[in-house]
Every structure is written in structure tokens, then in C-alpha cells.
């Protein structure tokens, strides 16, 4: 009985995270390469994350979309 309850609780938590994850990403403002460069930043590839990132300026550390 405990195993079923624990499994149900885990499923509910994962489902809640799955629903709120994309909504949180969509709410964040997107930064593109030209916007990053026009605000005195540079676009660099971070091999640790596998993403292009804005380095410098007001968008420092933001992923490029």
C-alpha cells in the first residue's frame, strides 16, 4: 500500500512540474542574436549546456532563441 501511495505522489509531482515547466519558459522574454549584439553583448556557444548564450550587456547569461 505504501508503494502505491508513494508512486501516486511521485506521479502527481512530476505531472505538476511537466505542466508548469513550458509555461515558465514561455513567460520569459526571448533574446535573439541581433538583440544581444545591439545591447553590447556577444553570442557564444557554451559546450557545457549545448546552448548559444548572450555574454555581456543586460542580457548576460540569457540563452539565445
PDB file of N, CA and C in Angstrom:
ATOM      1  N   UNK A   1       0.816  -1.190   0.000  1.00  0.00           N
ATOM      2  CA  UNK A   1       0.000   0.000   0.000  1.00  0.00           C
ATOM      3  C   UNK A   1       0.866   1.262   0.000  1.00  0.00           C
ATOM      4  N   UNK A   2       1.947   1.280   0.775  1.00  0.00           N
ATOM      5  CA  UNK A   2       2.824   2.442   0.822  1.00  0.00           C
ATOM      6  C   UNK A   2       3.475   2.690  -0.532  1.00  0.00           C
ATOM      7  N   UNK A   3       3.842   1.602  -1.218  1.00  0.00           N
ATOM      8  CA  UNK A   3       4.481   1.736  -2.522  1.00  0.00           C
ATOM      9  C   UNK A   3       3.539   2.395  -3.518  1.00  0.00           C
ATOM     10  N   UNK A   4       2.279   2.018  -3.498  1.00  0.00           N
ATOM     11  CA  UNK A   4       1.305   2.619  -4.408  1.00  0.00           C
ATOM     12  C   UNK A   4       1.091   4.089  -4.083  1.00  0.00           C
ATOM     13  N   UNK A   5       1.035   4.413  -2.811  1.00  0.00           N
ATOM     14  CA  UNK A   5       0.845   5.804  -2.404  1.00  0.00           C
ATOM     15  C   UNK A   5       2.049   6.646  -2.800  1.00  0.00           C
ATOM     16  N   UNK A   6       3.242   6.121  -2.598  1.00  0.00           N
ATOM     17  CA  UNK A   6       4.459   6.831  -2.971  1.00  0.00           C
ATOM     18  C   UNK A   6       4.517   7.019  -4.489  1.00  0.00           C
ATOM     19  N   UNK A   7       4.151   5.993  -5.241  1.00  0.00           N
ATOM     20  CA  UNK A   7       4.134   6.098  -6.697  1.00  0.00           C
ATOM     21  C   UNK A   7       3.129   7.123  -7.187  1.00  0.00           C
ATOM     22  N   UNK A   8       1.965   7.168  -6.557  1.00  0.00           N
ATOM     23  CA  UNK A   8       0.946   8.144  -6.924  1.00  0.00           C
ATOM     24  C   UNK A   8       1.429   9.560  -6.619  1.00  0.00           C
ATOM     25  N   UNK A   9       2.040   9.741  -5.459  1.00  0.00           N
ATOM     26  CA  UNK A   9       2.554  11.066  -5.093  1.00  0.00           C
ATOM     27  C   UNK A   9       3.634  11.515  -6.076  1.00  0.00           C
ATOM     28  N   UNK A  10       4.520  10.619  -6.460  1.00  0.00           N
ATOM     29  CA  UNK A  10       5.578  10.953  -7.420  1.00  0.00           C
ATOM     30  C   UNK A  10       4.976  11.313  -8.772  1.00  0.00           C
ATOM     31  N   UNK A  11       3.968  10.584  -9.202  1.00  0.00           N
ATOM     32  CA  UNK A  11       3.320  10.864 -10.486  1.00  0.00           C
ATOM     33  C   UNK A  11       2.650  12.235 -10.472  1.00  0.00           C
ATOM     34  N   UNK A  12       2.019  12.587  -9.372  1.00  0.00           N
ATOM     35  CA  UNK A  12       1.354  13.890  -9.270  1.00  0.00           C
ATOM     36  C   UNK A  12       2.381  15.020  -9.308  1.00  0.00           C
ATOM     37  N   UNK A  13       3.484  14.859  -8.598  1.00  0.00           N
ATOM     38  CA  UNK A  13       4.522  15.888  -8.579  1.00  0.00           C
ATOM     39  C   UNK A  13       5.128  16.051  -9.967  1.00  0.00           C
ATOM     40  N   UNK A  14       5.455  14.958 -10.640  1.00  0.00           N
ATOM     41  CA  UNK A  14       6.039  15.043 -11.980  1.00  0.00           C
ATOM     42  C   UNK A  14       5.059  15.645 -12.975  1.00  0.00           C
ATOM     43  N   UNK A  15       3.789  15.310 -12.855  1.00  0.00           N
ATOM     44  CA  UNK A  15       2.789  15.893 -13.746  1.00  0.00           C
ATOM     45  C   UNK A  15       2.679  17.400 -13.530  1.00  0.00           C
ATOM     46  N   UNK A  16       2.728  17.835 -12.283  1.00  0.00           N
ATOM     47  CA  UNK A  16       2.657  19.268 -11.990  1.00  0.00           C
ATOM     48  C   UNK A  16       3.871  19.994 -12.555  1.00  0.00           C
ATOM     49  N   UNK A  17       5.043  19.414 -12.435  1.00  0.00           N
ATOM     50  CA  UNK A  17       6.245  20.030 -12.997  1.00  0.00           C
ATOM     51  C   UNK A  17       6.192  20.055 -14.514  1.00  0.00           C
ATOM     52  N   UNK A  18       5.647  19.029 -15.107  1.00  0.00           N
ATOM     53  CA  UNK A  18       5.527  18.970 -16.563  1.00  0.00           C
ATOM     54  C   UNK A  18       4.597  20.021 -17.110  1.00  0.00           C
ATOM     55  N   UNK A  19       3.586  20.374 -16.359  1.00  0.00           N
ATOM     56  CA  UNK A  19       2.630  21.376 -16.811  1.00  0.00           C
ATOM     57  C   UNK A  19       3.189  22.781 -16.637  1.00  0.00           C
ATOM     58  N   UNK A  20       3.855  23.052 -15.527  1.00  0.00           N
ATOM     59  CA  UNK A  20       4.335  24.406 -15.253  1.00  0.00           C
ATOM     60  C   UNK A  20       5.652  24.719 -15.951  1.00  0.00           C
ATOM     61  N   UNK A  21       6.423  23.720 -16.334  1.00  0.00           N
ATOM     62  CA  UNK A  21       7.713  23.962 -16.983  1.00  0.00           C
ATOM     63  C   UNK A  21       7.609  24.753 -18.268  1.00  0.00           C
ATOM     64  N   UNK A  22       6.827  24.296 -19.260  1.00  0.00           N
ATOM     65  CA  UNK A  22       6.712  25.054 -20.507  1.00  0.00           C
ATOM     66  C   UNK A  22       6.088  26.444 -20.312  1.00  0.00           C
ATOM     67  N   UNK A  23       5.170  26.576 -19.383  1.00  0.00           N
ATOM     68  CA  UNK A  23       4.554  27.876 -19.135  1.00  0.00           C
ATOM     69  C   UNK A  23       5.586  28.860 -18.598  1.00  0.00           C
ATOM     70  N   UNK A  24       6.478  28.398 -17.754  1.00  0.00           N
ATOM     71  CA  UNK A  24       7.517  29.275 -17.213  1.00  0.00           C
ATOM     72  C   UNK A  24       8.488  29.697 -18.310  1.00  0.00           C
ATOM     73  N   UNK A  25       8.817  28.797 -19.232  1.00  0.00           N
ATOM     74  CA  UNK A  25       9.704  29.148 -20.330  1.00  0.00           C
ATOM     75  C   UNK A  25       9.036  30.134 -21.268  1.00  0.00           C
ATOM     76  N   UNK A  26       7.760  29.953 -21.542  1.00  0.00           N
ATOM     77  CA  UNK A  26       7.057  30.837 -22.453  1.00  0.00           C
ATOM     78  C   UNK A  26       6.924  32.236 -21.876  1.00  0.00           C
ATOM     79  N   UNK A  27       6.882  32.363 -20.569  1.00  0.00           N
ATOM     80  CA  UNK A  27       6.726  33.664 -19.939  1.00  0.00           C
ATOM     81  C   UNK A  27       8.013  34.477 -19.972  1.00  0.00           C
ATOM     82  N   UNK A  28       9.162  33.802 -20.071  1.00  0.00           N
ATOM     83  CA  UNK A  28      10.442  34.506 -20.088  1.00  0.00           C
ATOM     84  C   UNK A  28      10.644  35.187 -21.439  1.00  0.00           C
ATOM     85  N   UNK A  29      11.141  36.425 -21.442  1.00  0.00           N
ATOM     86  CA  UNK A  29      11.367  37.104 -22.717  1.00  0.00           C
ATOM     87  C   UNK A  29      12.490  36.424 -23.491  1.00  0.00           C
ATOM     88  N   UNK A  30      12.287  36.267 -24.787  1.00  0.00           N
ATOM     89  CA  UNK A  30      13.271  35.610 -25.634  1.00  0.00           C
ATOM     90  C   UNK A  30      14.303  36.620 -26.118  1.00  0.00           C
ATOM     91  N   UNK A  31      15.551  36.202 -26.153  1.00  0.00           N
ATOM     92  CA  UNK A  31      16.633  37.039 -26.657  1.00  0.00           C
ATOM     93  C   UNK A  31      17.171  36.379 -27.916  1.00  0.00           C
ATOM     94  N   UNK A  32      17.304  37.158 -28.985  1.00  0.00           N
ATOM     95  CA  UNK A  32      17.909  36.613 -30.194  1.00  0.00           C
ATOM     96  C   UNK A  32      19.287  37.239 -30.389  1.00  0.00           C
ATOM     97  N   UNK A  33      20.024  36.732 -31.343  1.00  0.00           N
ATOM     98  CA  UNK A  33      21.397  37.178 -31.559  1.00  0.00           C
ATOM     99  C   UNK A  33      21.532  38.663 -31.831  1.00  0.00           C
ATOM    100  N   UNK A  34      20.760  39.209 -32.788  1.00  0.00           N
ATOM    101  CA  UNK A  34      20.891  40.645 -33.062  1.00  0.00           C
ATOM    102  C   UNK A  34      20.552  41.533 -31.861  1.00  0.00           C
ATOM    103  N   UNK A  35      19.570  41.133 -31.065  1.00  0.00           N
ATOM    104  CA  UNK A  35      19.229  41.909 -29.867  1.00  0.00           C
ATOM    105  C   UNK A  35      20.386  41.890 -28.874  1.00  0.00           C
ATOM    106  N   UNK A  36      20.986  40.738 -28.696  1.00  0.00           N
ATOM    107  CA  UNK A  36      22.130  40.619 -27.784  1.00  0.00           C
ATOM    108  C   UNK A  36      23.273  41.514 -28.237  1.00  0.00           C
ATOM    109  N   UNK A  37      23.615  41.455 -29.539  1.00  0.00           N
ATOM    110  CA  UNK A  37      24.730  42.241 -30.057  1.00  0.00           C
ATOM    111  C   UNK A  37      24.437  43.743 -30.007  1.00  0.00           C
ATOM    112  N   UNK A  38      23.175  44.142 -30.259  1.00  0.00           N
ATOM    113  CA  UNK A  38      22.850  45.568 -30.259  1.00  0.00           C
ATOM    114  C   UNK A  38      22.908  46.168 -28.851  1.00  0.00           C
ATOM    115  N   UNK A  39      22.855  45.337 -27.838  1.00  0.00           N
ATOM    116  CA  UNK A  39      22.974  45.809 -26.454  1.00  0.00           C
ATOM    117  C   UNK A  39      24.369  45.517 -25.892  1.00  0.00           C
ATOM    118  N   UNK A  40      25.364  45.521 -26.763  1.00  0.00           N
ATOM    119  CA  UNK A  40      26.782  45.379 -26.398  1.00  0.00           C
ATOM    120  C   UNK A  40      27.113  44.018 -25.794  1.00  0.00           C
ATOM    121  N   UNK A  41      26.471  42.963 -26.269  1.00  0.00           N
ATOM    122  CA  UNK A  41      26.791  41.611 -25.844  1.00  0.00           C
ATOM    123  C   UNK A  41      27.372  40.826 -27.002  1.00  0.00           C
ATOM    124  N   UNK A  42      27.810  39.634 -26.745  1.00  0.00           N
ATOM    125  CA  UNK A  42      28.296  38.750 -27.800  1.00  0.00           C
ATOM    126  C   UNK A  42      27.610  37.394 -27.649  1.00  0.00           C
ATOM    127  N   UNK A  43      27.433  36.730 -28.772  1.00  0.00           N
ATOM    128  CA  UNK A  43      26.771  35.425 -28.778  1.00  0.00           C
ATOM    129  C   UNK A  43      27.856  34.358 -28.767  1.00  0.00           C
ATOM    130  N   UNK A  44      27.827  33.498 -27.752  1.00  0.00           N
ATOM    131  CA  UNK A  44      28.842  32.457 -27.623  1.00  0.00           C
ATOM    132  C   UNK A  44      28.184  31.113 -27.340  1.00  0.00           C
ATOM    133  N   UNK A  45      28.827  30.056 -27.827  1.00  0.00           N
ATOM    134  CA  UNK A  45      28.337  28.696 -27.608  1.00  0.00           C
ATOM    135  C   UNK A  45      28.917  28.151 -26.315  1.00  0.00           C
ATOM    136  N   UNK A  46      28.052  27.646 -25.439  1.00  0.00           N
ATOM    137  CA  UNK A  46      28.510  27.027 -24.195  1.00  0.00           C
ATOM    138  C   UNK A  46      28.397  25.515 -24.353  1.00  0.00           C
ATOM    139  N   UNK A  47      29.539  24.857 -24.423  1.00  0.00           N
ATOM    140  CA  UNK A  47      29.543  23.410 -24.633  1.00  0.00           C
ATOM    141  C   UNK A  47      29.005  22.646 -23.431  1.00  0.00           C
ATOM    142  N   UNK A  48      29.063  23.257 -22.243  1.00  0.00           N
ATOM    143  CA  UNK A  48      28.561  22.566 -21.054  1.00  0.00           C
ATOM    144  C   UNK A  48      27.041  22.426 -21.083  1.00  0.00           C
ATOM    145  N   UNK A  49      26.350  23.408 -21.687  1.00  0.00           N
ATOM    146  CA  UNK A  49      24.892  23.352 -21.763  1.00  0.00           C
ATOM    147  C   UNK A  49      24.394  22.974 -23.144  1.00  0.00           C
ATOM    148  N   UNK A  50      25.237  23.145 -24.155  1.00  0.00           N
ATOM    149  CA  UNK A  50      24.823  22.877 -25.525  1.00  0.00           C
ATOM    150  C   UNK A  50      23.951  23.972 -26.101  1.00  0.00           C
ATOM    151  N   UNK A  51      24.011  25.172 -25.504  1.00  0.00           N
ATOM    152  CA  UNK A  51      23.177  26.288 -25.945  1.00  0.00           C
ATOM    153  C   UNK A  51      24.030  27.483 -26.339  1.00  0.00           C
ATOM    154  N   UNK A  52      23.482  28.305 -27.248  1.00  0.00           N
ATOM    155  CA  UNK A  52      24.086  29.591 -27.548  1.00  0.00           C
ATOM    156  C   UNK A  52      23.605  30.561 -26.477  1.00  0.00           C
ATOM    157  N   UNK A  53      24.517  31.387 -25.971  1.00  0.00           N
ATOM    158  CA  UNK A  53      24.218  32.260 -24.835  1.00  0.00           C
ATOM    159  C   UNK A  53      24.714  33.672 -25.121  1.00  0.00           C
ATOM    160  N   UNK A  54      23.976  34.661 -24.631  1.00  0.00           N
ATOM    161  CA  UNK A  54      24.396  36.052 -24.726  1.00  0.00           C
ATOM    162  C   UNK A  54      25.354  36.332 -23.569  1.00  0.00           C
ATOM    163  N   UNK A  55      26.538  36.855 -23.894  1.00  0.00           N
ATOM    164  CA  UNK A  55      27.550  37.160 -22.893  1.00  0.00           C
ATOM    165  C   UNK A  55      27.782  38.667 -22.894  1.00  0.00           C
ATOM    166  N   UNK A  56      27.586  39.290 -21.757  1.00  0.00           N
ATOM    167  CA  UNK A  56      27.771  40.730 -21.629  1.00  0.00           C
ATOM    168  C   UNK A  56      26.470  41.489 -21.862  1.00  0.00           C
ATOM    169  N   UNK A  57      26.460  42.743 -21.466  1.00  0.00           N
ATOM    170  CA  UNK A  57      25.273  43.580 -21.641  1.00  0.00           C
ATOM    171  C   UNK A  57      24.160  43.203 -20.685  1.00  0.00           C
ATOM    172  N   UNK A  58      22.983  43.755 -20.886  1.00  0.00           N
ATOM    173  CA  UNK A  58      21.875  43.498 -19.961  1.00  0.00           C
ATOM    174  C   UNK A  58      21.316  42.075 -20.058  1.00  0.00           C
ATOM    175  N   UNK A  59      21.599  41.370 -21.144  1.00  0.00           N
ATOM    176  CA  UNK A  59      21.089  40.010 -21.316  1.00  0.00           C
ATOM    177  C   UNK A  59      22.140  38.950 -20.986  1.00  0.00           C
ATOM    178  N   UNK A  60      23.148  39.313 -20.209  1.00  0.00           N
ATOM    179  CA  UNK A  60      24.249  38.409 -19.873  1.00  0.00           C
ATOM    180  C   UNK A  60      23.737  37.102 -19.270  1.00  0.00           C
ATOM    181  N   UNK A  61      24.120  35.989 -19.889  1.00  0.00           N
ATOM    182  CA  UNK A  61      23.751  34.672 -19.400  1.00  0.00           C
ATOM    183  C   UNK A  61      22.435  34.147 -19.938  1.00  0.00           C
ATOM    184  N   UNK A  62      21.709  34.948 -20.729  1.00  0.00           N
ATOM    185  CA  UNK A  62      20.425  34.511 -21.278  1.00  0.00           C
ATOM    186  C   UNK A  62      20.655  33.606 -22.485  1.00  0.00           C
ATOM    187  N   UNK A  63      19.893  32.510 -22.596  1.00  0.00           N
ATOM    188  CA  UNK A  63      20.029  31.660 -23.784  1.00  0.00           C
ATOM    189  C   UNK A  63      19.466  32.349 -25.023  1.00  0.00           C
ATOM    190  N   UNK A  64      20.078  32.092 -26.160  1.00  0.00           N
ATOM    191  CA  UNK A  64      19.659  32.667 -27.433  1.00  0.00           C
ATOM    192  C   UNK A  64      18.596  31.753 -28.043  1.00  0.00           C
ATOM    193  N   UNK A  65      17.517  32.363 -28.514  1.00  0.00           N
ATOM    194  CA  UNK A  65      16.452  31.570 -29.157  1.00  0.00           C
ATOM    195  C   UNK A  65      16.481  31.735 -30.647  1.00  0.00           C
TER     196      UNK A  65
END
